[in-house]
Amino acid sequence: MSTTNGQWYPPEWPERIRLLSAGELTPVTPRRAATVLLLRDGTDGQDTPQDAQGGDGEHSPDELDAPERLGTVPGPAEAPEGSETPPESLRNAAGGAHRLAVYMLRRRASMAFAGGAYAYPGGSVDPRDERMVTWAGPSRAQWARRLGLDPSEATRAQAIVCAAVRETFEEAGVLLAGPTPHTVVADTTGDDWETDRAALVARDLSFAEFLDRRGLVLRSDLLGCWARWITPEFEPRRYDTWFFVAALPRGQRTRNASTEADRTVWIRPSDAADGYDRGELLMMPPTIATLRQLAAHGSVADVLAAAADRDLTPVLAQARVENGELVLSWPGHDEFTKHIPGATGGPSA
């Protein structure tokens, strides 16, 4: 379905909504998942531009313009004749008060789910994420309450937090763990780290085994929970996803370590939202919604402080038939409402 912005909207959804409305589609149970909005203030000396497609590069928010340039912008000394320069608004914003940047990746177009969409590092909970790990920060029971679970579901809460930390390391090379409850590893580069990261991705190594082998403590206190979204009932690939926020640890660098992403970028939330509004950057509703929320904050500290009071009521899309149209909406997020003509009637979904 065509759209004037960058909202990800699969063409098969209208038919699936009709089937669900008619009682002919049984929703699948969503898989638990976690994703992390990695944040940093300013540049932190990490703005050497490289092609992230198939490599380890990343991009500064000051180097962004149109989406086709993401992952292909050369450094100042390498700029070819006739290359575009960032808009004046981006150059000016770099030195302003709001220098908060978020790390995003673009899912490969070949991906079955949300191909070509910009997202954050994250993925499904591995059952082995429930294995005990050395833990720092709020207790597992406290995390259960914060995540909207029963306090008795401490093991389940640990698995969600572990998935957030593990997936961030797997997809961005960033690890929220340290040798003591008050430290964080400063460097995750090198062949030995890459061997362990690849073993985690292949599920040859559990996250608990990885931490134990290296004598590391998981730093749950470095995470704040920001939102929770559940994939609509009519989508066959469903996830119950908790969105976390975390600061990029000092000394660590992000890199495109995921085989699911072809480009990565550090970008100011407001700039990413502008690209979405222009129809240049494709995103799923949770992604653009969280970007708009982040844009109201000027620093990582502000975001982490705000996370403690965030409402984690799950956001689940609703579909109904109204005046011959299918109406798709996300409670509390009116901008995503779609009216789809040609509905054949049937009960409300």
Protein backbone atom coordinates (compact mmCIF):
# COMPACT_ATOMS: atom_id res chain seq x y z
CA MET A 1 0.00 0.00 0.00
CA SER A 2 1.41 3.38 -0.93
CA THR A 3 2.25 5.90 1.78
CA THR A 4 3.57 9.45 1.86
CA ASN A 5 5.92 8.66 4.73
CA GLY A 6 8.26 5.78 5.48
CA GLN A 7 5.83 3.57 7.40
CA TRP A 8 6.50 -0.11 6.80
CA TYR A 9 3.27 -1.66 5.62
CA PRO A 10 3.22 -5.14 4.01
CA PRO A 11 0.86 -5.43 1.02
CA GLU A 12 -0.55 -8.72 2.34
CA TRP A 13 -1.87 -7.13 5.54
CA PRO A 14 -5.34 -6.06 4.24
CA GLU A 15 -6.20 -9.62 3.23
CA ARG A 16 -4.89 -11.00 6.51
CA ILE A 17 -6.92 -8.42 8.44
CA ARG A 18 -10.04 -9.50 6.52
CA LEU A 19 -9.35 -13.15 7.34
CA LEU A 20 -8.87 -12.32 11.01
CA SER A 21 -12.08 -10.24 11.02
CA ALA A 22 -13.98 -13.16 9.50
CA GLY A 23 -12.63 -15.58 12.06
CA GLU A 24 -10.65 -17.45 9.44
CA LEU A 25 -7.20 -16.64 10.81
CA THR A 26 -5.78 -17.91 14.10
CA PRO A 27 -3.20 -15.54 15.61
CA VAL A 28 0.15 -17.08 16.40
CA THR A 29 1.68 -16.67 19.85
CA PRO A 30 4.30 -13.88 19.78
CA ARG A 31 7.89 -14.71 20.62
CA ARG A 32 9.55 -12.73 23.40
CA ALA A 33 12.17 -10.34 22.07
CA ALA A 34 14.33 -7.41 23.13
CA THR A 35 15.88 -4.51 21.27
CA VAL A 36 18.26 -1.80 22.46
CA LEU A 37 18.44 1.86 21.54
CA LEU A 38 22.16 2.52 21.94
CA LEU A 39 22.77 6.21 22.66
CA ARG A 40 25.65 8.62 22.82
CA ASP A 41 26.15 12.37 23.22
CA GLY A 42 28.01 14.21 20.48
CA THR A 43 30.61 12.37 18.46
CA ASP A 44 32.86 10.86 21.16
CA GLY A 45 35.60 10.73 18.53
CA GLN A 46 33.90 7.97 16.56
CA ASP A 47 32.95 9.67 13.33
CA THR A 48 35.35 8.20 10.80
CA PRO A 49 32.95 7.42 7.95
CA GLN A 50 33.17 4.05 6.23
CA ASP A 51 30.90 1.97 4.05
CA ALA A 52 28.95 -0.15 6.50
CA GLN A 53 27.59 -2.39 3.78
CA GLY A 54 29.31 -5.71 4.33
CA GLY A 55 31.88 -4.05 6.59
CA ASP A 56 32.47 -2.65 10.04
CA GLY A 57 31.87 1.06 9.36
CA GLU A 58 29.41 3.48 10.85
CA HIS A 59 28.30 7.01 10.11
CA SER A 60 28.10 10.24 11.99
CA PRO A 61 24.74 12.01 12.12
CA ASP A 62 26.52 15.01 10.58
CA GLU A 63 27.08 13.05 7.36
CA LEU A 64 23.49 12.17 6.53
CA ASP A 65 21.33 13.50 3.77
CA ALA A 66 19.24 11.28 1.49
CA PRO A 67 18.82 7.57 2.34
CA GLU A 68 20.84 6.40 -0.65
CA ARG A 69 23.88 8.04 0.92
CA LEU A 70 23.66 6.11 4.18
CA GLY A 71 26.61 3.78 4.35
CA THR A 72 28.26 5.28 1.29
CA VAL A 73 29.31 8.76 2.38
CA PRO A 74 33.08 9.26 2.02
CA GLY A 75 35.18 11.13 4.52
CA PRO A 76 36.02 14.79 3.90
CA ALA A 77 39.42 13.98 2.41
CA GLU A 78 37.87 11.40 0.10
CA ALA A 79 34.83 13.36 -1.08
CA PRO A 80 34.50 12.98 -4.84
CA GLU A 81 33.85 15.92 -7.10
CA GLY A 82 30.15 16.76 -7.20
CA SER A 83 29.31 14.90 -3.97
CA GLU A 84 26.51 16.29 -1.85
CA THR A 85 27.14 18.03 1.46
CA PRO A 86 24.87 17.67 4.48
CA PRO A 87 22.00 20.17 4.72
CA GLU A 88 22.72 23.34 6.67
CA SER A 89 20.28 22.24 9.35
CA LEU A 90 22.34 19.11 10.05
CA ARG A 91 25.63 20.97 10.18
CA ASN A 92 24.23 23.54 12.58
CA ALA A 93 22.55 20.95 14.76
CA ALA A 94 25.86 19.18 15.34
CA GLY A 95 27.09 21.98 17.54
CA GLY A 96 23.78 22.67 19.29
CA ALA A 97 22.44 21.61 22.65
CA HIS A 98 20.68 18.54 21.27
CA ARG A 99 23.50 16.26 20.24
CA LEU A 100 21.92 12.98 21.30
CA ALA A 101 22.48 10.28 18.69
CA VAL A 102 21.02 6.79 18.37
CA TYR A 103 22.51 3.79 16.60
CA MET A 104 20.38 2.29 13.83
CA LEU A 105 20.81 -0.44 11.26
CA ARG A 106 19.04 -1.11 7.99
CA ARG A 107 17.64 -4.60 7.57
CA ARG A 108 18.65 -6.27 4.33
CA ALA A 109 15.96 -6.09 1.64
CA SER A 110 16.05 -9.89 1.42
CA MET A 111 14.78 -10.26 5.00
CA ALA A 112 11.31 -11.83 5.16
CA PHE A 113 10.23 -9.49 7.95
CA ALA A 114 10.60 -5.70 7.53
CA GLY A 115 13.22 -5.95 4.79
CA GLY A 116 14.78 -2.55 4.00
CA ALA A 117 13.50 -0.98 7.24
CA TYR A 118 15.69 0.90 9.70
CA ALA A 119 15.66 -0.59 13.20
CA TYR A 120 17.77 -1.09 16.33
CA PRO A 121 19.92 -4.06 17.36
CA GLY A 122 17.75 -6.79 18.83
CA GLY A 123 16.20 -10.20 18.45
CA SER A 124 14.34 -13.09 20.03
CA VAL A 125 14.95 -14.49 23.48
CA ASP A 126 17.01 -17.67 23.43
CA PRO A 127 15.64 -20.25 25.92
CA ARG A 128 19.19 -20.53 27.26
CA ASP A 129 19.01 -16.84 28.29
CA GLU A 130 17.26 -18.17 31.39
CA ARG A 131 20.46 -19.83 32.59
CA MET A 132 21.93 -18.14 35.64
CA VAL A 133 24.52 -15.46 35.04
CA THR A 134 26.56 -13.26 37.36
CA TRP A 135 24.32 -10.23 37.71
CA ALA A 136 24.71 -6.59 38.74
CA GLY A 137 21.99 -3.98 39.13
CA PRO A 138 18.32 -4.30 40.08
CA SER A 139 17.33 -7.81 41.10
CA ARG A 140 15.62 -10.16 38.71
CA ALA A 141 12.37 -9.76 40.67
CA GLN A 142 12.65 -5.96 40.36
CA TRP A 143 13.17 -6.33 36.63
CA ALA A 144 10.12 -8.59 36.43
CA ARG A 145 7.97 -5.86 37.96
CA ARG A 146 9.49 -3.21 35.69
CA LEU A 147 8.87 -5.30 32.57
CA GLY A 148 5.21 -5.78 33.49
CA LEU A 149 5.62 -9.39 34.58
CA ASP A 150 4.67 -11.07 37.83
CA PRO A 151 7.45 -10.81 40.44
CA SER A 152 7.53 -14.61 40.45
CA GLU A 153 8.68 -14.53 36.82
CA ALA A 154 12.21 -13.47 37.72
CA THR A 155 13.79 -16.05 35.44
CA ARG A 156 11.72 -14.87 32.51
CA ALA A 157 12.72 -11.27 33.26
CA GLN A 158 16.39 -12.27 33.32
CA ALA A 159 16.01 -13.90 29.92
CA ILE A 160 14.61 -10.70 28.41
CA VAL A 161 17.41 -8.56 29.87
CA CYS A 162 20.03 -11.13 28.80
CA ALA A 163 18.56 -11.14 25.28
CA ALA A 164 18.89 -7.36 25.13
CA VAL A 165 22.56 -7.47 26.14
CA ARG A 166 23.39 -10.53 24.04
CA GLU A 167 21.74 -9.25 20.86
CA THR A 168 23.48 -5.89 21.20
CA PHE A 169 26.82 -7.67 21.30
CA GLU A 170 25.89 -10.00 18.46
CA GLU A 171 24.65 -7.24 16.12
CA ALA A 172 26.66 -4.18 17.14
CA GLY A 173 29.74 -5.53 18.91
CA VAL A 174 28.83 -3.61 22.08
CA LEU A 175 28.81 -5.45 25.42
CA LEU A 176 27.08 -4.22 28.58
CA ALA A 177 29.12 -6.34 30.96
CA GLY A 178 32.33 -6.00 32.94
CA PRO A 179 34.80 -7.82 35.17
CA THR A 180 33.18 -6.31 38.29
CA PRO A 181 29.70 -4.99 39.16
CA HIS A 182 30.97 -1.44 38.68
CA THR A 183 33.04 -1.71 35.49
CA VAL A 184 32.47 -2.35 31.79
CA VAL A 185 34.82 -3.94 29.29
CA ALA A 186 36.56 -1.21 27.34
CA ASP A 187 37.38 -3.07 24.14
CA THR A 188 35.52 -5.90 22.39
CA THR A 189 37.63 -5.99 19.25
CA GLY A 190 40.08 -8.73 18.30
CA ASP A 191 39.92 -12.26 16.96
CA ASP A 192 39.09 -13.85 20.30
CA TRP A 193 36.07 -11.60 20.81
CA GLU A 194 34.91 -12.21 17.26
CA THR A 195 35.19 -15.98 17.72
CA ASP A 196 32.94 -15.80 20.79
CA ARG A 197 30.50 -13.43 19.07
CA ALA A 198 30.19 -15.76 16.09
CA ALA A 199 29.63 -18.73 18.43
CA LEU A 200 26.80 -16.82 20.14
CA VAL A 201 25.18 -16.02 16.80
CA ALA A 202 25.43 -19.66 15.72
CA ARG A 203 23.98 -20.72 19.11
CA ASP A 204 27.07 -22.88 19.66
CA LEU A 205 27.66 -20.91 22.86
CA SER A 206 25.08 -19.76 25.39
CA PHE A 207 25.30 -16.25 26.78
CA ALA A 208 25.77 -17.66 30.31
CA GLU A 209 28.72 -19.75 29.11
CA PHE A 210 30.21 -16.74 27.34
CA LEU A 211 30.04 -14.54 30.44
CA ASP A 212 31.35 -17.30 32.70
CA ARG A 213 34.26 -18.11 30.38
CA ARG A 214 35.37 -14.48 30.42
CA GLY A 215 34.60 -13.86 34.10
CA LEU A 216 32.12 -11.09 33.29
CA VAL A 217 29.20 -9.62 35.21
CA LEU A 218 26.06 -8.62 33.30
CA ARG A 219 25.36 -4.93 34.00
CA SER A 220 21.56 -4.76 34.09
CA ASP A 221 21.86 -1.35 35.76
CA LEU A 222 23.11 0.10 32.47
CA LEU A 223 19.73 -0.55 30.84
CA GLY A 224 16.48 1.34 31.09
CA CYS A 225 13.22 -0.03 29.69
CA TRP A 226 11.50 2.39 27.35
CA ALA A 227 8.52 0.70 25.67
CA ARG A 228 6.83 -2.56 24.81
CA TRP A 229 5.20 -3.36 21.48
CA ILE A 230 3.49 -6.54 20.28
CA THR A 231 3.26 -7.39 16.58
CA PRO A 232 -0.36 -7.29 15.29
CA GLU A 233 -2.41 -10.49 15.53
CA PHE A 234 -2.75 -10.82 11.76
CA GLU A 235 1.03 -10.94 11.16
CA PRO A 236 2.46 -14.48 11.08
CA ARG A 237 5.87 -13.34 12.40
CA ARG A 238 4.88 -12.01 15.79
CA TYR A 239 7.09 -10.63 18.56
CA ASP A 240 6.41 -9.33 22.06
CA THR A 241 9.27 -6.85 22.19
CA TRP A 242 10.68 -4.80 25.05
CA PHE A 243 12.61 -1.69 23.93
CA PHE A 244 15.56 -0.77 26.14
CA VAL A 245 17.82 2.30 26.19
CA ALA A 246 21.52 2.25 27.08
CA ALA A 247 24.56 4.47 26.75
CA LEU A 248 27.42 3.34 24.53
CA PRO A 249 30.13 2.32 27.04
CA ARG A 250 33.25 4.46 27.05
CA GLY A 251 35.96 2.96 24.86
CA GLN A 252 33.66 0.64 22.92
CA ARG A 253 32.74 1.12 19.26
CA THR A 254 29.74 -0.02 17.30
CA ARG A 255 30.20 -1.95 14.09
CA ASN A 256 27.96 -3.69 11.60
CA ALA A 257 28.38 -7.20 12.97
CA SER A 258 24.96 -8.43 11.85
CA THR A 259 24.39 -10.50 8.73
CA GLU A 260 20.82 -9.15 8.78
CA ALA A 261 21.87 -5.53 8.20
CA ASP A 262 23.54 -3.94 5.20
CA ARG A 263 24.06 -0.43 6.62
CA THR A 264 24.45 1.19 10.02
CA VAL A 265 24.35 4.79 11.18
CA TRP A 266 24.59 7.06 14.21
CA ILE A 267 21.89 9.68 13.77
CA ARG A 268 20.01 12.27 15.79
CA PRO A 269 16.49 11.03 16.50
CA SER A 270 14.90 14.15 15.03
CA ASP A 271 16.89 13.76 11.81
CA ALA A 272 15.85 10.13 11.46
CA ALA A 273 12.22 11.12 12.08
CA ASP A 274 12.49 13.81 9.41
CA GLY A 275 13.78 11.23 6.94
CA TYR A 276 10.81 9.02 7.76
CA ASP A 277 8.36 11.91 7.32
CA ARG A 278 9.82 12.64 3.87
CA GLY A 279 9.31 9.00 2.90
CA GLU A 280 13.05 8.43 2.60
CA LEU A 281 13.66 6.11 5.56
CA LEU A 282 11.47 3.03 5.96
CA MET A 283 10.56 2.14 9.54
CA MET A 284 8.10 0.04 11.51
CA PRO A 285 5.71 1.93 13.84
CA PRO A 286 7.63 1.11 17.05
CA THR A 287 10.85 2.47 15.56
CA ILE A 288 9.53 5.85 14.49
CA ALA A 289 7.45 6.14 17.67
CA THR A 290 10.50 5.67 19.89
CA LEU A 291 12.53 8.08 17.76
CA ARG A 292 9.93 10.80 18.24
CA GLN A 293 10.01 10.17 21.99
CA LEU A 294 13.81 10.33 22.10
CA ALA A 295 13.83 13.59 20.15
CA ALA A 296 12.31 15.34 23.18
CA HIS A 297 15.49 14.68 25.16
CA GLY A 298 18.82 16.41 24.73
CA SER A 299 21.24 13.94 26.29
CA VAL A 300 21.79 10.32 27.19
CA ALA A 301 21.43 11.19 30.87
CA ASP A 302 18.03 12.74 30.19
CA VAL A 303 16.84 9.61 28.38
CA LEU A 304 18.07 7.22 31.08
CA ALA A 305 16.42 9.32 33.78
CA ALA A 306 13.13 9.39 31.87
CA ALA A 307 13.17 5.62 31.30
CA ALA A 308 12.34 4.92 34.94
CA ASP A 309 8.88 6.48 34.55
CA ARG A 310 7.99 5.20 31.09
CA ASP A 311 4.62 3.46 30.69
CA LEU A 312 5.26 -0.10 29.52
CA THR A 313 1.66 -0.98 28.70
CA PRO A 314 2.00 -3.13 25.54
CA VAL A 315 1.05 -1.44 22.29
CA LEU A 316 -0.95 -3.84 20.10
CA ALA A 317 -2.52 -2.84 16.79
CA GLN A 318 -6.28 -3.07 16.43
CA ALA A 319 -8.21 -3.73 13.21
CA ARG A 320 -11.92 -3.16 12.66
CA VAL A 321 -14.44 -2.80 9.86
CA GLU A 322 -16.00 0.65 9.72
CA ASN A 323 -18.28 2.02 6.97
CA GLY A 324 -16.99 -0.44 4.41
CA GLU A 325 -13.36 0.22 5.28
CA LEU A 326 -10.78 -1.68 7.26
CA VAL A 327 -9.36 0.60 9.93
CA LEU A 328 -5.95 -0.30 11.33
CA SER A 329 -4.79 1.60 14.39
CA TRP A 330 -2.23 1.50 17.19
CA PRO A 331 -3.66 2.72 20.54
CA GLY A 332 -2.01 5.92 21.64
CA HIS A 333 -0.35 6.46 18.26
CA ASP A 334 -2.86 8.08 15.93
CA GLU A 335 -0.29 8.84 13.24
CA PHE A 336 -0.20 5.17 12.24
CA THR A 337 -3.95 4.80 11.65
CA LYS A 338 -4.75 3.52 8.16
CA HIS A 339 -8.10 3.35 6.34
CA ILE A 340 -8.16 0.56 3.82
CA PRO A 341 -11.06 0.68 1.35
CA GLY A 342 -12.88 -2.37 0.01
CA ALA A 343 -13.69 -4.19 3.24
CA THR A 344 -16.16 -7.05 2.79
CA GLY A 345 -17.62 -6.78 6.27
CA GLY A 346 -17.46 -9.30 9.06
CA PRO A 347 -16.94 -9.03 12.81
CA SER A 348 -14.50 -6.60 14.39
CA ALA A 349 -10.98 -7.88 14.93
